């Protein structure tokens, strides 16, 4: 897992929130998929650094969290 500064490249990603999100905002993370990696950021503060994780690590995390 690495820290990622939100630069112009990340701003151009297709960010989305979970379908389980209430839509009211404030308590969500946003995710953007890239080949081989997943970018994750706080929806309340999209200018702060986010995280970049490998696709396999993200798959393992989502599998664990959905139990």
Foldseek 3Di string as FASTA:
>chain_A
DDKAQCDPVNVPFDWDWDPPDPPPFDPTWIWGDDVQWIWIGHRVCVRGITDIDGPVVVVVVVVVVVD
